């Protein structure tokens, strides 16, 4: 997908911006850059990138505000860059709809791997919808795999791309316990396996949207020390 993928890099560090853009172009991607959150919003709306790599600490508008505003309409993948390794910041970014999070300083090959994984998930999501034809009923939730539509009590539930990908994998394996590693590798890519905070955050989000009582889930169940399963 690299030959046709457009990536927007957003960071106020001009040297880092130039370095990352140069590396991405060398991989065959088309790259644009922005230096603050407002410029990011403007370029994203004008250029429609497949992926945005977004720094959190920037002038004019920081990355958290830009992320929240992007997720009001932008459906592509977003990878967060941040100089802080605080779990609260990671969880906040993931809650707002980020697909991945990388802490500075980072290795350029790790970033390239994360980019490939994000773009691969987009390709699978857009190209693989017709492979699934079942409509799965779980309590008052209907999961239409063919059309990527989730209904709860007859009303459509708005899910991010990553939330849907996680729910889809749980659904096609309904009743089976899926380990943390299985879920991470399927939804985020083969480079993942230890980022359990991703799972905790996205499972929490799915429960909030789908469960009658998220604190006492009946749909997405935790198997302590192992993983999660969808009860149907």
C-alpha atoms as a PDB file:
ATOM      1  CA  UNK A   1       0.000   0.000   0.000  1.00  0.00           C
ATOM      2  CA  UNK A   2       3.024   2.318   0.400  1.00  0.00           C
ATOM      3  CA  UNK A   3       2.979   3.586  -3.167  1.00  0.00           C
ATOM      4  CA  UNK A   4      -0.445   5.166  -2.827  1.00  0.00           C
ATOM      5  CA  UNK A   5      -0.492   6.020   0.869  1.00  0.00           C
ATOM      6  CA  UNK A   6      -0.476   9.648   1.994  1.00  0.00           C
ATOM      7  CA  UNK A   7       1.000  10.452   5.410  1.00  0.00           C
ATOM      8  CA  UNK A   8       0.768  13.750   7.302  1.00  0.00           C
ATOM      9  CA  UNK A   9       3.550  14.328   9.869  1.00  0.00           C
ATOM     10  CA  UNK A  10       2.809  16.905  12.578  1.00  0.00           C
ATOM     11  CA  UNK A  11       5.590  18.128  14.900  1.00  0.00           C
ATOM     12  CA  UNK A  12       7.082  21.496  15.866  1.00  0.00           C
ATOM     13  CA  UNK A  13      10.613  20.051  15.872  1.00  0.00           C
ATOM     14  CA  UNK A  14      11.780  20.977  12.372  1.00  0.00           C
ATOM     15  CA  UNK A  15      14.766  18.603  12.389  1.00  0.00           C
ATOM     16  CA  UNK A  16      12.656  15.636  13.488  1.00  0.00           C
ATOM     17  CA  UNK A  17       9.964  16.596  10.999  1.00  0.00           C
ATOM     18  CA  UNK A  18      12.445  16.694   8.110  1.00  0.00           C
ATOM     19  CA  UNK A  19      14.124  13.443   9.163  1.00  0.00           C
ATOM     20  CA  UNK A  20      10.885  11.455   9.501  1.00  0.00           C
ATOM     21  CA  UNK A  21       9.490  12.886   6.262  1.00  0.00           C
ATOM     22  CA  UNK A  22      12.691  11.937   4.419  1.00  0.00           C
ATOM     23  CA  UNK A  23      12.566   8.374   5.763  1.00  0.00           C
ATOM     24  CA  UNK A  24       8.906   7.959   4.818  1.00  0.00           C
ATOM     25  CA  UNK A  25       9.486   9.263   1.308  1.00  0.00           C
ATOM     26  CA  UNK A  26      12.365   6.812   0.951  1.00  0.00           C
ATOM     27  CA  UNK A  27       9.839   4.044   1.699  1.00  0.00           C
ATOM     28  CA  UNK A  28       7.644   5.273  -1.147  1.00  0.00           C
ATOM     29  CA  UNK A  29       5.004   7.212   0.798  1.00  0.00           C
ATOM     30  CA  UNK A  30       3.670  10.619  -0.200  1.00  0.00           C
ATOM     31  CA  UNK A  31       4.310  12.980   2.714  1.00  0.00           C
ATOM     32  CA  UNK A  32       3.091  16.387   3.868  1.00  0.00           C
ATOM     33  CA  UNK A  33       4.009  18.116   7.119  1.00  0.00           C
ATOM     34  CA  UNK A  34       2.514  20.536   9.647  1.00  0.00           C
ATOM     35  CA  UNK A  35       3.993  22.261  12.688  1.00  0.00           C
ATOM     36  CA  UNK A  36       1.000  22.749  14.989  1.00  0.00           C
ATOM     37  CA  UNK A  37      -2.464  21.366  15.656  1.00  0.00           C
ATOM     38  CA  UNK A  38      -4.360  23.958  13.670  1.00  0.00           C
ATOM     39  CA  UNK A  39      -2.180  23.464  10.599  1.00  0.00           C
ATOM     40  CA  UNK A  40      -2.713  19.724  11.040  1.00  0.00           C
ATOM     41  CA  UNK A  41      -6.504  20.149  10.931  1.00  0.00           C
ATOM     42  CA  UNK A  42      -6.304  22.397   7.876  1.00  0.00           C
ATOM     43  CA  UNK A  43      -4.026  20.055   5.919  1.00  0.00           C
ATOM     44  CA  UNK A  44      -5.941  16.933   6.934  1.00  0.00           C
ATOM     45  CA  UNK A  45      -9.180  18.458   5.662  1.00  0.00           C
ATOM     46  CA  UNK A  46      -7.561  19.673   2.440  1.00  0.00           C
ATOM     47  CA  UNK A  47      -5.371  16.647   1.657  1.00  0.00           C
ATOM     48  CA  UNK A  48      -7.216  13.607   3.167  1.00  0.00           C
ATOM     49  CA  UNK A  49      -4.171  11.589   4.302  1.00  0.00           C
ATOM     50  CA  UNK A  50      -4.421   7.858   4.996  1.00  0.00           C
ATOM     51  CA  UNK A  51      -2.380   8.257   8.178  1.00  0.00           C
ATOM     52  CA  UNK A  52      -1.438  11.090  10.531  1.00  0.00           C
ATOM     53  CA  UNK A  53       1.641  10.960  12.778  1.00  0.00           C
ATOM     54  CA  UNK A  54       0.841  13.519  15.483  1.00  0.00           C
ATOM     55  CA  UNK A  55       3.050  15.002  18.203  1.00  0.00           C
ATOM     56  CA  UNK A  56       1.319  15.947  21.471  1.00  0.00           C
ATOM     57  CA  UNK A  57       3.352  18.980  22.571  1.00  0.00           C
ATOM     58  CA  UNK A  58       2.949  21.798  20.037  1.00  0.00           C
ATOM     59  CA  UNK A  59       2.163  25.524  19.955  1.00  0.00           C
ATOM     60  CA  UNK A  60      -1.130  27.151  18.833  1.00  0.00           C
ATOM     61  CA  UNK A  61      -3.084  23.911  19.396  1.00  0.00           C
ATOM     62  CA  UNK A  62      -1.623  20.885  21.138  1.00  0.00           C
ATOM     63  CA  UNK A  63      -1.902  17.320  19.898  1.00  0.00           C
ATOM     64  CA  UNK A  64      -4.622  16.284  22.347  1.00  0.00           C
ATOM     65  CA  UNK A  65      -6.999  19.019  21.167  1.00  0.00           C
ATOM     66  CA  UNK A  66      -6.100  18.330  17.528  1.00  0.00           C
ATOM     67  CA  UNK A  67      -6.741  14.611  18.056  1.00  0.00           C
ATOM     68  CA  UNK A  68     -10.148  15.235  19.619  1.00  0.00           C
ATOM     69  CA  UNK A  69     -11.155  17.545  16.773  1.00  0.00           C
ATOM     70  CA  UNK A  70      -9.807  15.191  14.103  1.00  0.00           C
ATOM     71  CA  UNK A  71     -11.873  12.309  15.453  1.00  0.00           C
ATOM     72  CA  UNK A  72     -15.057  14.307  14.913  1.00  0.00           C
ATOM     73  CA  UNK A  73     -14.682  13.541  11.193  1.00  0.00           C
ATOM     74  CA  UNK A  74     -11.338  11.960  10.243  1.00  0.00           C
ATOM     75  CA  UNK A  75     -11.525   8.171   9.704  1.00  0.00           C
ATOM     76  CA  UNK A  76      -7.880   7.395   8.895  1.00  0.00           C
ATOM     77  CA  UNK A  77      -5.272   6.089  11.346  1.00  0.00           C
ATOM     78  CA  UNK A  78      -3.495   8.322  13.857  1.00  0.00           C
ATOM     79  CA  UNK A  79      -0.161   7.480  15.502  1.00  0.00           C
ATOM     80  CA  UNK A  80       0.730   9.667  18.480  1.00  0.00           C
ATOM     81  CA  UNK A  81       4.305  10.778  19.205  1.00  0.00           C
ATOM     82  CA  UNK A  82       5.079  12.058  22.686  1.00  0.00           C
ATOM     83  CA  UNK A  83       8.066  12.841  24.883  1.00  0.00           C
ATOM     84  CA  UNK A  84       6.166  11.540  27.923  1.00  0.00           C
ATOM     85  CA  UNK A  85       5.810   7.872  28.801  1.00  0.00           C
ATOM     86  CA  UNK A  86       3.029   8.499  31.359  1.00  0.00           C
ATOM     87  CA  UNK A  87       0.316   5.869  31.082  1.00  0.00           C
ATOM     88  CA  UNK A  88      -2.382   8.493  31.777  1.00  0.00           C
ATOM     89  CA  UNK A  89      -1.347  10.395  28.637  1.00  0.00           C
ATOM     90  CA  UNK A  90      -1.350   7.205  26.584  1.00  0.00           C
ATOM     91  CA  UNK A  91      -4.788   6.246  27.845  1.00  0.00           C
ATOM     92  CA  UNK A  92      -6.124   9.754  27.200  1.00  0.00           C
ATOM     93  CA  UNK A  93      -4.870   9.669  23.604  1.00  0.00           C
ATOM     94  CA  UNK A  94      -6.236   6.159  22.995  1.00  0.00           C
ATOM     95  CA  UNK A  95      -9.576   7.150  24.563  1.00  0.00           C
ATOM     96  CA  UNK A  96      -9.800  10.054  22.121  1.00  0.00           C
ATOM     97  CA  UNK A  97      -9.323   7.743  19.141  1.00  0.00           C
ATOM     98  CA  UNK A  98      -5.583   7.352  18.550  1.00  0.00           C
ATOM     99  CA  UNK A  99      -4.669   4.010  16.988  1.00  0.00           C
ATOM    100  CA  UNK A 100      -1.121   3.810  18.302  1.00  0.00           C
ATOM    101  CA  UNK A 101       1.325   5.642  20.595  1.00  0.00           C
ATOM    102  CA  UNK A 102       5.109   5.932  20.323  1.00  0.00           C
ATOM    103  CA  UNK A 103       7.316   7.542  22.974  1.00  0.00           C
ATOM    104  CA  UNK A 104      10.246   9.797  22.099  1.00  0.00           C
ATOM    105  CA  UNK A 105      13.067   9.102  21.570  1.00  0.00           C
ATOM    106  CA  UNK A 106      12.110   6.312  19.197  1.00  0.00           C
ATOM    107  CA  UNK A 107      13.939   4.235  16.622  1.00  0.00           C
ATOM    108  CA  UNK A 108      13.060   5.137  13.050  1.00  0.00           C
ATOM    109  CA  UNK A 109      12.645   1.460  12.132  1.00  0.00           C
ATOM    110  CA  UNK A 110      10.111   1.048  14.935  1.00  0.00           C
ATOM    111  CA  UNK A 111       8.149   4.017  13.585  1.00  0.00           C
ATOM    112  CA  UNK A 112       8.286   2.553  10.070  1.00  0.00           C
ATOM    113  CA  UNK A 113       6.948  -0.760  11.429  1.00  0.00           C
ATOM    114  CA  UNK A 114       4.106   1.045  13.218  1.00  0.00           C
ATOM    115  CA  UNK A 115       3.269   2.935  10.029  1.00  0.00           C
ATOM    116  CA  UNK A 116       3.177  -0.282   7.997  1.00  0.00           C
ATOM    117  CA  UNK A 117       0.929  -1.924  10.587  1.00  0.00           C
ATOM    118  CA  UNK A 118      -1.484   1.011  10.628  1.00  0.00           C
ATOM    119  CA  UNK A 119      -1.730   1.103   6.839  1.00  0.00           C
ATOM    120  CA  UNK A 120      -2.131  -2.661   6.685  1.00  0.00           C
ATOM    121  CA  UNK A 121      -5.089  -2.447   9.093  1.00  0.00           C
ATOM    122  CA  UNK A 122      -6.699   0.196   6.878  1.00  0.00           C
ATOM    123  CA  UNK A 123      -6.232  -1.982   3.785  1.00  0.00           C
ATOM    124  CA  UNK A 124      -7.692  -5.026   5.549  1.00  0.00           C
ATOM    125  CA  UNK A 125     -10.649  -3.050   6.860  1.00  0.00           C
ATOM    126  CA  UNK A 126     -11.546  -1.483   3.525  1.00  0.00           C
ATOM    127  CA  UNK A 127     -10.765  -4.499   1.377  1.00  0.00           C
ATOM    128  CA  UNK A 128     -12.037  -7.294   3.559  1.00  0.00           C
ATOM    129  CA  UNK A 129     -15.543  -6.237   4.489  1.00  0.00           C
ATOM    130  CA  UNK A 130     -17.227  -8.519   1.997  1.00  0.00           C
ATOM    131  CA  UNK A 131     -15.538 -11.639   3.337  1.00  0.00           C
ATOM    132  CA  UNK A 132     -17.804 -11.637   6.385  1.00  0.00           C
ATOM    133  CA  UNK A 133     -21.470 -12.234   5.726  1.00  0.00           C
ATOM    134  CA  UNK A 134     -22.911 -13.115   9.136  1.00  0.00           C
ATOM    135  CA  UNK A 135     -25.030 -10.950  11.382  1.00  0.00           C
ATOM    136  CA  UNK A 136     -24.239 -11.912  14.970  1.00  0.00           C
ATOM    137  CA  UNK A 137     -26.717 -11.292  17.788  1.00  0.00           C
ATOM    138  CA  UNK A 138     -25.297 -10.809  21.285  1.00  0.00           C
ATOM    139  CA  UNK A 139     -27.910  -9.673  23.779  1.00  0.00           C
ATOM    140  CA  UNK A 140     -29.445  -6.485  22.375  1.00  0.00           C
ATOM    141  CA  UNK A 141     -26.389  -5.925  20.141  1.00  0.00           C
ATOM    142  CA  UNK A 142     -26.413  -6.834  16.431  1.00  0.00           C
ATOM    143  CA  UNK A 143     -23.049  -7.008  14.664  1.00  0.00           C
ATOM    144  CA  UNK A 144     -23.399  -6.952  10.878  1.00  0.00           C
ATOM    145  CA  UNK A 145     -19.985  -8.099   9.657  1.00  0.00           C
ATOM    146  CA  UNK A 146     -20.833  -7.743   5.983  1.00  0.00           C
ATOM    147  CA  UNK A 147     -21.708  -4.066   6.242  1.00  0.00           C
ATOM    148  CA  UNK A 148     -19.588  -3.118   9.281  1.00  0.00           C
ATOM    149  CA  UNK A 149     -22.666  -1.900  11.163  1.00  0.00           C
ATOM    150  CA  UNK A 150     -23.221  -2.367  14.892  1.00  0.00           C
ATOM    151  CA  UNK A 151     -26.663  -1.813  16.406  1.00  0.00           C
ATOM    152  CA  UNK A 152     -27.633  -1.698  20.052  1.00  0.00           C
ATOM    153  CA  UNK A 153     -31.324  -1.792  20.789  1.00  0.00           C
ATOM    154  CA  UNK A 154     -31.956  -0.975  17.143  1.00  0.00           C
ATOM    155  CA  UNK A 155     -29.800   2.183  17.159  1.00  0.00           C
ATOM    156  CA  UNK A 156     -26.475   2.351  15.332  1.00  0.00           C
ATOM    157  CA  UNK A 157     -23.386   2.518  17.532  1.00  0.00           C
ATOM    158  CA  UNK A 158     -20.537   4.761  16.399  1.00  0.00           C
ATOM    159  CA  UNK A 159     -17.218   2.919  16.680  1.00  0.00           C
ATOM    160  CA  UNK A 160     -13.728   3.990  15.690  1.00  0.00           C
ATOM    161  CA  UNK A 161     -11.914   1.830  13.151  1.00  0.00           C
ATOM    162  CA  UNK A 162      -9.813   0.166  15.855  1.00  0.00           C
ATOM    163  CA  UNK A 163     -12.804  -0.408  18.141  1.00  0.00           C
ATOM    164  CA  UNK A 164     -14.627  -2.090  15.270  1.00  0.00           C
ATOM    165  CA  UNK A 165     -11.609  -4.225  14.300  1.00  0.00           C
ATOM    166  CA  UNK A 166     -11.319  -5.437  17.894  1.00  0.00           C
ATOM    167  CA  UNK A 167     -15.045  -6.199  18.122  1.00  0.00           C
ATOM    168  CA  UNK A 168     -14.980  -7.965  14.743  1.00  0.00           C
ATOM    169  CA  UNK A 169     -12.180 -10.305  15.829  1.00  0.00           C
ATOM    170  CA  UNK A 170     -13.996 -11.070  19.091  1.00  0.00           C
ATOM    171  CA  UNK A 171     -17.194 -11.674  17.098  1.00  0.00           C
ATOM    172  CA  UNK A 172     -15.792 -14.102  14.530  1.00  0.00           C
ATOM    173  CA  UNK A 173     -14.322 -16.019  17.490  1.00  0.00           C
ATOM    174  CA  UNK A 174     -17.436 -15.664  19.681  1.00  0.00           C
ATOM    175  CA  UNK A 175     -17.339 -17.907  22.741  1.00  0.00           C
ATOM    176  CA  UNK A 176     -13.587 -18.488  22.454  1.00  0.00           C
ATOM    177  CA  UNK A 177     -11.092 -16.950  24.857  1.00  0.00           C
ATOM    178  CA  UNK A 178      -8.630 -14.828  22.875  1.00  0.00           C
ATOM    179  CA  UNK A 179      -5.330 -14.071  24.571  1.00  0.00           C
ATOM    180  CA  UNK A 180      -3.951 -10.572  24.925  1.00  0.00           C
ATOM    181  CA  UNK A 181      -1.205 -11.437  22.440  1.00  0.00           C
ATOM    182  CA  UNK A 182      -3.680 -12.840  19.868  1.00  0.00           C
ATOM    183  CA  UNK A 183      -5.831  -9.729  20.054  1.00  0.00           C
ATOM    184  CA  UNK A 184      -2.910  -7.327  19.843  1.00  0.00           C
ATOM    185  CA  UNK A 185      -1.328  -9.078  16.872  1.00  0.00           C
ATOM    186  CA  UNK A 186      -4.606  -9.421  14.985  1.00  0.00           C
ATOM    187  CA  UNK A 187      -5.847  -5.866  15.539  1.00  0.00           C
ATOM    188  CA  UNK A 188      -2.614  -3.867  15.757  1.00  0.00           C
ATOM    189  CA  UNK A 189      -0.236  -6.110  13.806  1.00  0.00           C
ATOM    190  CA  UNK A 190       2.474  -8.780  14.273  1.00  0.00           C
ATOM    191  CA  UNK A 191       4.864  -6.261  15.830  1.00  0.00           C
ATOM    192  CA  UNK A 192       2.622  -6.065  18.907  1.00  0.00           C
ATOM    193  CA  UNK A 193       2.100  -8.410  21.835  1.00  0.00           C
ATOM    194  CA  UNK A 194       2.964  -6.662  25.095  1.00  0.00           C
ATOM    195  CA  UNK A 195       0.961  -3.399  24.851  1.00  0.00           C
ATOM    196  CA  UNK A 196      -1.818  -4.567  27.158  1.00  0.00           C
ATOM    197  CA  UNK A 197      -2.819  -0.986  28.019  1.00  0.00           C
ATOM    198  CA  UNK A 198      -4.108  -0.704  24.450  1.00  0.00           C
ATOM    199  CA  UNK A 199      -6.457  -3.612  25.067  1.00  0.00           C
ATOM    200  CA  UNK A 200      -7.629  -2.338  28.440  1.00  0.00           C
ATOM    201  CA  UNK A 201      -8.471   1.030  26.937  1.00  0.00           C
ATOM    202  CA  UNK A 202     -10.294  -0.270  23.873  1.00  0.00           C
ATOM    203  CA  UNK A 203     -12.163  -3.005  25.784  1.00  0.00           C
ATOM    204  CA  UNK A 204     -13.289  -0.309  28.230  1.00  0.00           C
ATOM    205  CA  UNK A 205     -14.496   1.834  25.315  1.00  0.00           C
ATOM    206  CA  UNK A 206     -16.404  -1.058  23.712  1.00  0.00           C
ATOM    207  CA  UNK A 207     -18.047  -1.937  27.009  1.00  0.00           C
ATOM    208  CA  UNK A 208     -19.078   1.668  27.546  1.00  0.00           C
ATOM    209  CA  UNK A 209     -20.747   1.714  24.134  1.00  0.00           C
ATOM    210  CA  UNK A 210     -22.247  -1.793  24.113  1.00  0.00           C
ATOM    211  CA  UNK A 211     -22.886  -2.970  27.665  1.00  0.00           C
ATOM    212  CA  UNK A 212     -25.943  -2.080  29.759  1.00  0.00           C
ATOM    213  CA  UNK A 213     -23.693  -1.877  32.820  1.00  0.00           C
ATOM    214  CA  UNK A 214     -20.042  -1.502  31.712  1.00  0.00           C
ATOM    215  CA  UNK A 215     -18.760  -2.158  35.246  1.00  0.00           C
ATOM    216  CA  UNK A 216     -20.496  -5.558  35.233  1.00  0.00           C
ATOM    217  CA  UNK A 217     -20.117  -6.668  31.610  1.00  0.00           C
ATOM    218  CA  UNK A 218     -22.291  -9.428  30.168  1.00  0.00           C
ATOM    219  CA  UNK A 219     -21.114  -9.206  26.550  1.00  0.00           C
ATOM    220  CA  UNK A 220     -17.323  -8.790  26.523  1.00  0.00           C
ATOM    221  CA  UNK A 221     -15.995 -10.941  29.331  1.00  0.00           C
ATOM    222  CA  UNK A 222     -12.560 -10.929  30.956  1.00  0.00           C
ATOM    223  CA  UNK A 223     -10.764 -14.221  31.407  1.00  0.00           C
ATOM    224  CA  UNK A 224      -8.363 -13.307  34.271  1.00  0.00           C
ATOM    225  CA  UNK A 225      -4.719 -13.656  33.335  1.00  0.00           C
ATOM    226  CA  UNK A 226      -5.582 -14.789  29.805  1.00  0.00           C
ATOM    227  CA  UNK A 227      -7.642 -12.410  27.677  1.00  0.00           C
ATOM    228  CA  UNK A 228     -11.224 -11.736  26.603  1.00  0.00           C
ATOM    229  CA  UNK A 229     -14.153 -13.482  24.955  1.00  0.00           C
ATOM    230  CA  UNK A 230     -17.448 -12.399  23.427  1.00  0.00           C
ATOM    231  CA  UNK A 231     -20.493 -14.057  24.997  1.00  0.00           C
ATOM    232  CA  UNK A 232     -23.339 -14.813  22.557  1.00  0.00           C
END
